[in-house]
Amino acid sequence: MRTHTVPRIGAIAALPLIIALGVIPLAGCSPDQPAEEPPAEEQPAEVAPVPEEPSVPEEALISVQDLKGMMDAGEGLTLVDVRSRAAYTRSFIPGSVNIPGGAQFELRLREVPHEGLVVLIGAVGTDLAPSYQTLVDNDYDPASIRAVEGGVQAWGDAGYPLDSDDAYAC
């Protein structure tokens, strides 16, 4: 004679079945009982504000017309183009120096004189804040730093001269 044994379900394995049948109601999950609000000390803390991206102060911004006037007047300025080397060789303002922004700008900072006016120019004027901040952080006088609004694109759109260096073009 054969005997059949019924497999026994362990308590852990039976838990989902017991919950589904409502034998053990979960706190705040019964249909006639609203979910409870967590105590005040468990409320999520306020999120800290995200720090603002560095920006160029309004008083440091100049137009391409201002830059052209300064250059025509022979003002002693250093025009630093912070675009990549490839972008610079395709079109640049005659007399500018290419020191790409970012880590390279920090490494080549000694090429930017502390005396006289330093004018930063980029592609469209939106990439100048980190370079501006690097100058300020390295003891350049903020009153002697300018940033050109609109960048090289605005310079060219205004009909001012651009040069290129095909020998280094990528």
N, C-alpha and C. Protein backbone atom coordinates (compact mmCIF):
# COMPACT_ATOMS: atom_id res chain seq x y z
N MET A 1 0.82 -1.16 0.00
CA MET A 1 0.00 0.00 0.00
C MET A 1 0.88 1.24 0.00
N ARG A 2 0.51 2.14 -0.87
CA ARG A 2 1.25 3.38 -1.01
C ARG A 2 0.57 4.48 -0.24
N THR A 3 1.37 5.29 0.38
CA THR A 3 0.82 6.46 1.05
C THR A 3 1.29 7.71 0.34
N HIS A 4 0.40 8.62 0.22
CA HIS A 4 0.74 9.91 -0.39
C HIS A 4 0.93 10.93 0.70
N THR A 5 1.98 11.69 0.56
CA THR A 5 2.18 12.77 1.52
C THR A 5 1.87 14.09 0.84
N VAL A 6 1.24 14.91 1.56
CA VAL A 6 0.92 16.25 1.06
C VAL A 6 2.11 17.14 1.38
N PRO A 7 2.63 17.83 0.34
CA PRO A 7 3.77 18.71 0.63
C PRO A 7 3.34 19.82 1.57
N ARG A 8 4.20 20.11 2.47
CA ARG A 8 3.91 21.18 3.42
C ARG A 8 4.54 22.47 2.92
N ILE A 9 3.78 23.54 2.98
CA ILE A 9 4.27 24.85 2.55
C ILE A 9 4.83 25.54 3.77
N GLY A 10 6.02 26.02 3.65
CA GLY A 10 6.62 26.76 4.76
C GLY A 10 5.89 28.08 4.98
N ALA A 11 6.05 28.65 6.15
CA ALA A 11 5.37 29.90 6.51
C ALA A 11 5.76 31.05 5.58
N ILE A 12 7.01 31.13 5.20
CA ILE A 12 7.48 32.22 4.32
C ILE A 12 6.85 32.07 2.94
N ALA A 13 6.81 30.85 2.42
CA ALA A 13 6.26 30.63 1.09
C ALA A 13 4.76 30.90 1.07
N ALA A 14 4.08 30.70 2.19
CA ALA A 14 2.63 30.89 2.25
C ALA A 14 2.24 32.33 2.50
N LEU A 15 3.17 33.18 2.85
CA LEU A 15 2.86 34.56 3.21
C LEU A 15 2.11 35.30 2.11
N PRO A 16 2.52 35.25 0.83
CA PRO A 16 1.75 35.97 -0.20
C PRO A 16 0.31 35.48 -0.30
N LEU A 17 0.11 34.19 -0.13
CA LEU A 17 -1.24 33.64 -0.17
C LEU A 17 -2.07 34.13 1.00
N ILE A 18 -1.48 34.16 2.17
CA ILE A 18 -2.19 34.63 3.37
C ILE A 18 -2.56 36.09 3.22
N ILE A 19 -1.65 36.91 2.71
CA ILE A 19 -1.92 38.34 2.52
C ILE A 19 -3.02 38.52 1.48
N ALA A 20 -2.93 37.77 0.38
CA ALA A 20 -3.93 37.89 -0.68
C ALA A 20 -5.32 37.52 -0.19
N LEU A 21 -5.40 36.56 0.69
CA LEU A 21 -6.70 36.16 1.23
C LEU A 21 -7.19 37.10 2.33
N GLY A 22 -6.33 38.02 2.74
CA GLY A 22 -6.74 38.99 3.74
C GLY A 22 -6.66 38.48 5.15
N VAL A 23 -5.97 37.38 5.36
CA VAL A 23 -5.85 36.84 6.71
C VAL A 23 -5.01 37.77 7.57
N ILE A 24 -3.93 38.34 6.97
CA ILE A 24 -3.10 39.30 7.69
C ILE A 24 -3.19 40.62 6.91
N PRO A 25 -4.00 41.56 7.37
CA PRO A 25 -4.10 42.83 6.65
C PRO A 25 -2.83 43.66 6.86
N LEU A 26 -2.42 44.35 5.80
CA LEU A 26 -1.29 45.24 5.90
C LEU A 26 -1.76 46.58 6.45
N ALA A 27 -0.91 47.23 7.22
CA ALA A 27 -1.27 48.50 7.84
C ALA A 27 -1.62 49.52 6.77
N GLY A 28 -2.78 50.15 6.91
CA GLY A 28 -3.21 51.21 6.01
C GLY A 28 -3.63 50.71 4.65
N CYS A 29 -3.71 49.39 4.45
CA CYS A 29 -4.04 48.87 3.14
C CYS A 29 -5.43 48.25 3.09
N SER A 30 -6.14 48.26 4.17
CA SER A 30 -7.48 47.68 4.12
C SER A 30 -8.41 48.69 3.48
N PRO A 31 -9.39 48.25 2.72
CA PRO A 31 -10.25 49.17 1.97
C PRO A 31 -11.02 50.14 2.86
N ASP A 32 -11.33 49.79 4.07
CA ASP A 32 -12.10 50.69 4.92
C ASP A 32 -11.22 51.50 5.85
N GLN A 33 -9.92 51.47 5.66
CA GLN A 33 -9.01 52.22 6.52
C GLN A 33 -8.08 53.07 5.65
N PRO A 34 -8.12 54.41 5.75
CA PRO A 34 -7.24 55.24 4.92
C PRO A 34 -5.78 55.08 5.32
N ALA A 35 -4.90 55.30 4.35
CA ALA A 35 -3.47 55.24 4.64
C ALA A 35 -3.09 56.36 5.58
N GLU A 36 -2.21 56.05 6.50
CA GLU A 36 -1.80 57.05 7.49
C GLU A 36 -0.66 57.89 6.92
N GLU A 37 -0.62 59.16 7.32
CA GLU A 37 0.48 60.05 6.97
C GLU A 37 1.66 59.70 7.86
N PRO A 38 2.88 59.73 7.33
CA PRO A 38 4.02 59.46 8.20
C PRO A 38 4.16 60.58 9.22
N PRO A 39 4.70 60.25 10.39
CA PRO A 39 4.90 61.28 11.41
C PRO A 39 5.76 62.42 10.86
N ALA A 40 5.65 63.59 11.45
CA ALA A 40 6.33 64.80 10.96
C ALA A 40 7.84 64.60 10.85
N GLU A 41 8.43 63.88 11.80
CA GLU A 41 9.88 63.71 11.74
C GLU A 41 10.31 62.82 10.57
N GLU A 42 9.38 62.10 9.96
CA GLU A 42 9.72 61.25 8.82
C GLU A 42 9.44 61.95 7.49
N GLN A 43 8.92 63.17 7.50
CA GLN A 43 8.67 63.91 6.27
C GLN A 43 10.01 64.16 5.57
N PRO A 44 10.04 64.10 4.24
CA PRO A 44 11.31 64.34 3.55
C PRO A 44 11.83 65.74 3.81
N ALA A 45 13.13 65.84 3.97
CA ALA A 45 13.76 67.15 4.19
C ALA A 45 13.69 67.96 2.90
N GLU A 46 13.74 69.28 3.04
CA GLU A 46 13.73 70.14 1.85
C GLU A 46 15.01 69.91 1.06
N VAL A 47 14.88 69.94 -0.24
CA VAL A 47 16.02 69.75 -1.12
C VAL A 47 16.82 71.05 -1.17
N ALA A 48 18.13 70.93 -1.02
CA ALA A 48 18.99 72.11 -1.09
C ALA A 48 18.95 72.68 -2.49
N PRO A 49 18.98 74.00 -2.62
CA PRO A 49 18.95 74.60 -3.96
C PRO A 49 20.20 74.23 -4.75
N VAL A 50 20.01 74.06 -6.04
CA VAL A 50 21.13 73.74 -6.93
C VAL A 50 21.94 75.01 -7.15
N PRO A 51 23.25 74.94 -6.96
CA PRO A 51 24.05 76.15 -7.16
C PRO A 51 23.97 76.61 -8.62
N GLU A 52 23.96 77.91 -8.79
CA GLU A 52 23.88 78.48 -10.14
C GLU A 52 25.18 78.25 -10.89
N GLU A 53 25.04 78.10 -12.19
CA GLU A 53 26.22 78.00 -13.05
C GLU A 53 26.95 79.34 -12.99
N PRO A 54 28.27 79.31 -13.07
CA PRO A 54 28.98 80.59 -13.08
C PRO A 54 28.57 81.40 -14.31
N SER A 55 28.54 82.69 -14.15
CA SER A 55 28.19 83.55 -15.28
C SER A 55 29.10 84.77 -15.29
N VAL A 56 29.14 85.40 -16.42
CA VAL A 56 29.92 86.62 -16.59
C VAL A 56 29.05 87.78 -16.09
N PRO A 57 29.58 88.64 -15.22
CA PRO A 57 28.79 89.78 -14.74
C PRO A 57 28.38 90.69 -15.89
N GLU A 58 27.21 91.26 -15.76
CA GLU A 58 26.66 92.14 -16.79
C GLU A 58 27.63 93.27 -17.18
N GLU A 59 28.32 93.83 -16.21
CA GLU A 59 29.22 94.96 -16.49
C GLU A 59 30.47 94.54 -17.28
N ALA A 60 30.75 93.24 -17.37
CA ALA A 60 31.91 92.77 -18.12
C ALA A 60 31.58 92.46 -19.58
N LEU A 61 30.30 92.42 -19.92
CA LEU A 61 29.89 92.08 -21.29
C LEU A 61 30.04 93.27 -22.22
N ILE A 62 30.57 92.99 -23.42
CA ILE A 62 30.68 94.03 -24.45
C ILE A 62 30.17 93.45 -25.77
N SER A 63 29.80 94.33 -26.67
CA SER A 63 29.32 93.91 -27.99
C SER A 63 30.50 93.79 -28.95
N VAL A 64 30.25 93.18 -30.09
CA VAL A 64 31.31 93.09 -31.10
C VAL A 64 31.65 94.49 -31.62
N GLN A 65 30.67 95.39 -31.63
CA GLN A 65 30.93 96.77 -32.05
C GLN A 65 31.87 97.46 -31.07
N ASP A 66 31.67 97.20 -29.76
CA ASP A 66 32.58 97.76 -28.75
C ASP A 66 33.99 97.24 -28.96
N LEU A 67 34.11 95.93 -29.19
CA LEU A 67 35.43 95.33 -29.41
C LEU A 67 36.09 95.92 -30.64
N LYS A 68 35.35 96.06 -31.72
CA LYS A 68 35.91 96.62 -32.96
C LYS A 68 36.41 98.04 -32.71
N GLY A 69 35.63 98.82 -31.97
CA GLY A 69 36.04 100.19 -31.64
C GLY A 69 37.31 100.23 -30.80
N MET A 70 37.42 99.33 -29.85
CA MET A 70 38.61 99.27 -29.00
C MET A 70 39.84 98.89 -29.83
N MET A 71 39.65 97.94 -30.74
CA MET A 71 40.78 97.50 -31.57
C MET A 71 41.19 98.61 -32.54
N ASP A 72 40.21 99.29 -33.13
CA ASP A 72 40.52 100.38 -34.06
C ASP A 72 41.21 101.54 -33.36
N ALA A 73 40.87 101.76 -32.07
CA ALA A 73 41.48 102.85 -31.30
C ALA A 73 42.87 102.47 -30.79
N GLY A 74 43.27 101.22 -31.01
CA GLY A 74 44.60 100.78 -30.59
C GLY A 74 44.73 100.56 -29.10
N GLU A 75 43.59 100.31 -28.43
CA GLU A 75 43.65 100.05 -26.98
C GLU A 75 44.47 98.79 -26.74
N GLY A 76 45.30 98.85 -25.72
CA GLY A 76 46.12 97.68 -25.38
C GLY A 76 45.27 96.59 -24.76
N LEU A 77 44.90 95.60 -25.57
CA LEU A 77 44.09 94.51 -25.05
C LEU A 77 44.63 93.19 -25.56
N THR A 78 44.33 92.16 -24.80
CA THR A 78 44.66 90.81 -25.22
C THR A 78 43.35 90.10 -25.51
N LEU A 79 43.14 89.72 -26.77
CA LEU A 79 41.92 89.05 -27.18
C LEU A 79 42.16 87.54 -27.14
N VAL A 80 41.48 86.86 -26.21
CA VAL A 80 41.67 85.42 -26.01
C VAL A 80 40.45 84.68 -26.53
N ASP A 81 40.66 83.85 -27.55
CA ASP A 81 39.61 83.03 -28.14
C ASP A 81 39.63 81.69 -27.42
N VAL A 82 38.53 81.34 -26.72
CA VAL A 82 38.50 80.13 -25.89
C VAL A 82 37.92 78.92 -26.62
N ARG A 83 37.69 79.02 -27.92
CA ARG A 83 37.17 77.88 -28.68
C ARG A 83 38.26 76.83 -28.88
N SER A 84 37.86 75.67 -29.36
CA SER A 84 38.82 74.61 -29.64
C SER A 84 39.79 75.05 -30.73
N ARG A 85 40.92 74.37 -30.79
CA ARG A 85 41.92 74.69 -31.83
C ARG A 85 41.33 74.51 -33.22
N ALA A 86 40.54 73.46 -33.42
CA ALA A 86 39.94 73.21 -34.74
C ALA A 86 39.00 74.34 -35.14
N ALA A 87 38.15 74.79 -34.22
CA ALA A 87 37.23 75.89 -34.52
C ALA A 87 38.00 77.18 -34.78
N TYR A 88 39.04 77.41 -34.00
CA TYR A 88 39.85 78.62 -34.15
C TYR A 88 40.51 78.67 -35.52
N THR A 89 41.09 77.56 -35.99
CA THR A 89 41.80 77.59 -37.27
C THR A 89 40.86 77.79 -38.45
N ARG A 90 39.59 77.40 -38.31
CA ARG A 90 38.62 77.62 -39.39
C ARG A 90 38.31 79.10 -39.57
N SER A 91 38.17 79.84 -38.47
CA SER A 91 37.92 81.28 -38.56
C SER A 91 38.23 81.93 -37.21
N PHE A 92 39.05 82.96 -37.27
CA PHE A 92 39.41 83.68 -36.04
C PHE A 92 39.58 85.16 -36.33
N ILE A 93 39.53 85.94 -35.27
CA ILE A 93 39.71 87.38 -35.39
C ILE A 93 41.21 87.65 -35.43
N PRO A 94 41.68 88.36 -36.46
CA PRO A 94 43.12 88.65 -36.55
C PRO A 94 43.61 89.32 -35.26
N GLY A 95 44.72 88.83 -34.76
CA GLY A 95 45.31 89.38 -33.54
C GLY A 95 44.88 88.64 -32.28
N SER A 96 43.95 87.71 -32.40
CA SER A 96 43.51 86.97 -31.21
C SER A 96 44.48 85.84 -30.91
N VAL A 97 44.44 85.38 -29.67
CA VAL A 97 45.26 84.26 -29.21
C VAL A 97 44.30 83.14 -28.85
N ASN A 98 44.61 81.93 -29.29
CA ASN A 98 43.75 80.78 -29.00
C ASN A 98 44.25 80.04 -27.76
N ILE A 99 43.43 80.10 -26.70
CA ILE A 99 43.67 79.30 -25.50
C ILE A 99 42.33 78.65 -25.17
N PRO A 100 42.14 77.40 -25.62
CA PRO A 100 40.85 76.74 -25.42
C PRO A 100 40.43 76.71 -23.95
N GLY A 101 39.12 76.87 -23.73
CA GLY A 101 38.58 76.86 -22.38
C GLY A 101 38.75 75.51 -21.71
N GLY A 102 38.47 75.48 -20.42
CA GLY A 102 38.56 74.23 -19.66
C GLY A 102 39.94 74.03 -19.07
N ALA A 103 40.36 72.78 -19.00
CA ALA A 103 41.63 72.42 -18.37
C ALA A 103 42.81 73.08 -19.09
N GLN A 104 42.76 73.15 -20.41
CA GLN A 104 43.86 73.76 -21.17
C GLN A 104 44.00 75.24 -20.84
N PHE A 105 42.86 75.90 -20.62
CA PHE A 105 42.90 77.32 -20.27
C PHE A 105 43.65 77.50 -18.94
N GLU A 106 43.36 76.65 -17.99
CA GLU A 106 44.04 76.74 -16.69
C GLU A 106 45.53 76.46 -16.83
N LEU A 107 45.89 75.48 -17.67
CA LEU A 107 47.30 75.14 -17.85
C LEU A 107 48.08 76.25 -18.56
N ARG A 108 47.42 76.97 -19.45
CA ARG A 108 48.10 78.00 -20.24
C ARG A 108 47.84 79.42 -19.73
N LEU A 109 47.35 79.53 -18.53
CA LEU A 109 46.98 80.83 -17.97
C LEU A 109 48.14 81.82 -17.96
N ARG A 110 49.36 81.33 -17.82
CA ARG A 110 50.52 82.23 -17.78
C ARG A 110 50.68 83.02 -19.09
N GLU A 111 50.02 82.56 -20.17
CA GLU A 111 50.09 83.27 -21.45
C GLU A 111 49.18 84.50 -21.49
N VAL A 112 48.34 84.63 -20.48
CA VAL A 112 47.42 85.78 -20.41
C VAL A 112 48.04 86.81 -19.46
N PRO A 113 48.41 87.98 -20.00
CA PRO A 113 49.06 88.98 -19.14
C PRO A 113 48.11 89.53 -18.06
N HIS A 114 48.70 89.83 -16.89
CA HIS A 114 47.92 90.44 -15.80
C HIS A 114 47.68 91.93 -16.07
N GLU A 115 48.54 92.53 -16.88
CA GLU A 115 48.42 93.97 -17.16
C GLU A 115 47.53 94.17 -18.38
N GLY A 116 46.80 95.25 -18.39
CA GLY A 116 45.97 95.59 -19.53
C GLY A 116 44.65 94.85 -19.53
N LEU A 117 43.88 95.11 -20.55
CA LEU A 117 42.54 94.55 -20.68
C LEU A 117 42.61 93.16 -21.31
N VAL A 118 41.88 92.21 -20.73
CA VAL A 118 41.76 90.86 -21.29
C VAL A 118 40.34 90.73 -21.80
N VAL A 119 40.20 90.40 -23.08
CA VAL A 119 38.88 90.24 -23.69
C VAL A 119 38.73 88.78 -24.11
N LEU A 120 37.69 88.13 -23.58
CA LEU A 120 37.40 86.74 -23.90
C LEU A 120 36.36 86.67 -25.01
N ILE A 121 36.57 85.76 -25.95
CA ILE A 121 35.59 85.56 -27.01
C ILE A 121 35.47 84.06 -27.25
N GLY A 122 34.26 83.62 -27.54
CA GLY A 122 34.00 82.20 -27.80
C GLY A 122 33.21 82.03 -29.07
N ALA A 123 32.52 80.92 -29.17
CA ALA A 123 31.75 80.62 -30.38
C ALA A 123 30.56 81.56 -30.52
N VAL A 124 29.68 81.55 -29.55
CA VAL A 124 28.49 82.41 -29.61
C VAL A 124 28.32 83.21 -28.32
N GLY A 125 29.34 83.24 -27.49
CA GLY A 125 29.28 84.04 -26.28
C GLY A 125 28.78 83.31 -25.05
N THR A 126 28.36 82.06 -25.19
CA THR A 126 27.79 81.36 -24.05
C THR A 126 28.80 80.51 -23.29
N ASP A 127 30.01 80.40 -23.80
CA ASP A 127 31.00 79.51 -23.20
C ASP A 127 32.12 80.24 -22.47
N LEU A 128 31.86 81.46 -22.04
CA LEU A 128 32.92 82.29 -21.48
C LEU A 128 32.99 82.30 -19.95
N ALA A 129 31.93 81.92 -19.28
CA ALA A 129 31.87 82.01 -17.82
C ALA A 129 32.97 81.22 -17.12
N PRO A 130 33.24 79.97 -17.50
CA PRO A 130 34.32 79.25 -16.80
C PRO A 130 35.69 79.93 -16.96
N SER A 131 35.99 80.42 -18.15
CA SER A 131 37.27 81.09 -18.37
C SER A 131 37.33 82.40 -17.59
N TYR A 132 36.24 83.14 -17.59
CA TYR A 132 36.16 84.37 -16.81
C TYR A 132 36.44 84.06 -15.34
N GLN A 133 35.78 83.04 -14.80
CA GLN A 133 35.93 82.69 -13.40
C GLN A 133 37.35 82.23 -13.09
N THR A 134 37.98 81.52 -14.02
CA THR A 134 39.37 81.09 -13.83
C THR A 134 40.28 82.29 -13.70
N LEU A 135 40.07 83.31 -14.52
CA LEU A 135 40.88 84.53 -14.41
C LEU A 135 40.68 85.19 -13.05
N VAL A 136 39.45 85.34 -12.63
CA VAL A 136 39.16 85.98 -11.34
C VAL A 136 39.77 85.17 -10.20
N ASP A 137 39.64 83.85 -10.26
CA ASP A 137 40.18 82.98 -9.22
C ASP A 137 41.71 83.02 -9.15
N ASN A 138 42.34 83.48 -10.24
CA ASN A 138 43.80 83.57 -10.29
C ASN A 138 44.29 85.01 -10.21
N ASP A 139 43.55 85.81 -9.50
CA ASP A 139 43.93 87.19 -9.15
C ASP A 139 44.00 88.17 -10.30
N TYR A 140 43.25 87.93 -11.38
CA TYR A 140 43.10 88.94 -12.41
C TYR A 140 42.03 89.91 -11.92
N ASP A 141 42.23 91.18 -12.19
CA ASP A 141 41.28 92.20 -11.76
C ASP A 141 40.00 92.09 -12.58
N PRO A 142 38.86 91.81 -11.94
CA PRO A 142 37.60 91.70 -12.69
C PRO A 142 37.29 92.94 -13.53
N ALA A 143 37.77 94.10 -13.09
CA ALA A 143 37.51 95.33 -13.83
C ALA A 143 38.28 95.37 -15.14
N SER A 144 39.28 94.49 -15.31
CA SER A 144 40.06 94.48 -16.55
C SER A 144 39.76 93.25 -17.42
N ILE A 145 38.62 92.60 -17.16
CA ILE A 145 38.23 91.45 -17.97
C ILE A 145 36.90 91.76 -18.66
N ARG A 146 36.85 91.49 -19.96
CA ARG A 146 35.62 91.67 -20.73
C ARG A 146 35.30 90.37 -21.45
N ALA A 147 34.03 90.20 -21.79
CA ALA A 147 33.56 89.04 -22.53
C ALA A 147 32.67 89.54 -23.66
N VAL A 148 32.91 89.04 -24.86
CA VAL A 148 32.18 89.51 -26.04
C VAL A 148 30.88 88.72 -26.21
N GLU A 149 29.77 89.46 -26.20
CA GLU A 149 28.46 88.85 -26.42
C GLU A 149 28.34 88.43 -27.89
N GLY A 150 27.81 87.26 -28.11
CA GLY A 150 27.61 86.78 -29.48
C GLY A 150 28.80 86.07 -30.06
N GLY A 151 29.98 86.27 -29.50
CA GLY A 151 31.17 85.57 -29.91
C GLY A 151 31.62 85.82 -31.34
N VAL A 152 32.43 84.90 -31.83
CA VAL A 152 33.00 85.02 -33.17
C VAL A 152 31.90 85.01 -34.22
N GLN A 153 30.83 84.30 -33.95
CA GLN A 153 29.72 84.26 -34.91
C GLN A 153 29.14 85.66 -35.10
N ALA A 154 28.92 86.40 -34.02
CA ALA A 154 28.39 87.77 -34.13
C ALA A 154 29.39 88.69 -34.81
N TRP A 155 30.68 88.48 -34.55
CA TRP A 155 31.74 89.27 -35.20
C TRP A 155 31.65 89.10 -36.72
N GLY A 156 31.57 87.86 -37.16
CA GLY A 156 31.47 87.59 -38.59
C GLY A 156 30.16 88.10 -39.18
N ASP A 157 29.05 87.92 -38.44
CA ASP A 157 27.74 88.40 -38.91
C ASP A 157 27.73 89.92 -39.08
N ALA A 158 28.55 90.63 -38.28
CA ALA A 158 28.62 92.09 -38.38
C ALA A 158 29.49 92.52 -39.56
N GLY A 159 30.10 91.56 -40.24
CA GLY A 159 30.92 91.89 -41.41
C GLY A 159 32.35 92.26 -41.08
N TYR A 160 32.77 92.03 -39.84
CA TYR A 160 34.14 92.33 -39.45
C TYR A 160 35.08 91.22 -39.95
N PRO A 161 36.36 91.55 -40.13
CA PRO A 161 37.28 90.59 -40.75
C PRO A 161 37.55 89.36 -39.89
N LEU A 162 37.59 88.24 -40.58
CA LEU A 162 37.97 86.96 -39.98
C LEU A 162 39.10 86.39 -40.81
N ASP A 163 39.95 85.63 -40.18
CA ASP A 163 41.05 84.99 -40.88
C ASP A 163 40.92 83.49 -40.65
N SER A 164 41.71 82.70 -41.38
CA SER A 164 41.73 81.25 -41.16
C SER A 164 43.16 80.78 -41.37
N ASP A 165 43.44 79.61 -40.84
CA ASP A 165 44.77 79.05 -40.95
C ASP A 165 44.65 77.63 -41.47
N ASP A 166 44.58 77.51 -42.81
CA ASP A 166 44.37 76.21 -43.42
C ASP A 166 45.50 75.22 -43.12
N ALA A 167 46.68 75.71 -42.79
CA ALA A 167 47.79 74.81 -42.50
C ALA A 167 47.51 73.96 -41.28
N TYR A 168 46.70 74.47 -40.35
CA TYR A 168 46.38 73.72 -39.14
C TYR A 168 44.95 73.24 -39.09
N ALA A 169 44.17 73.54 -40.12
CA ALA A 169 42.76 73.15 -40.11
C ALA A 169 42.62 71.63 -40.05
N CYS A 170 41.64 71.20 -39.30
CA CYS A 170 41.39 69.76 -39.15
C CYS A 170 40.32 69.31 -40.11
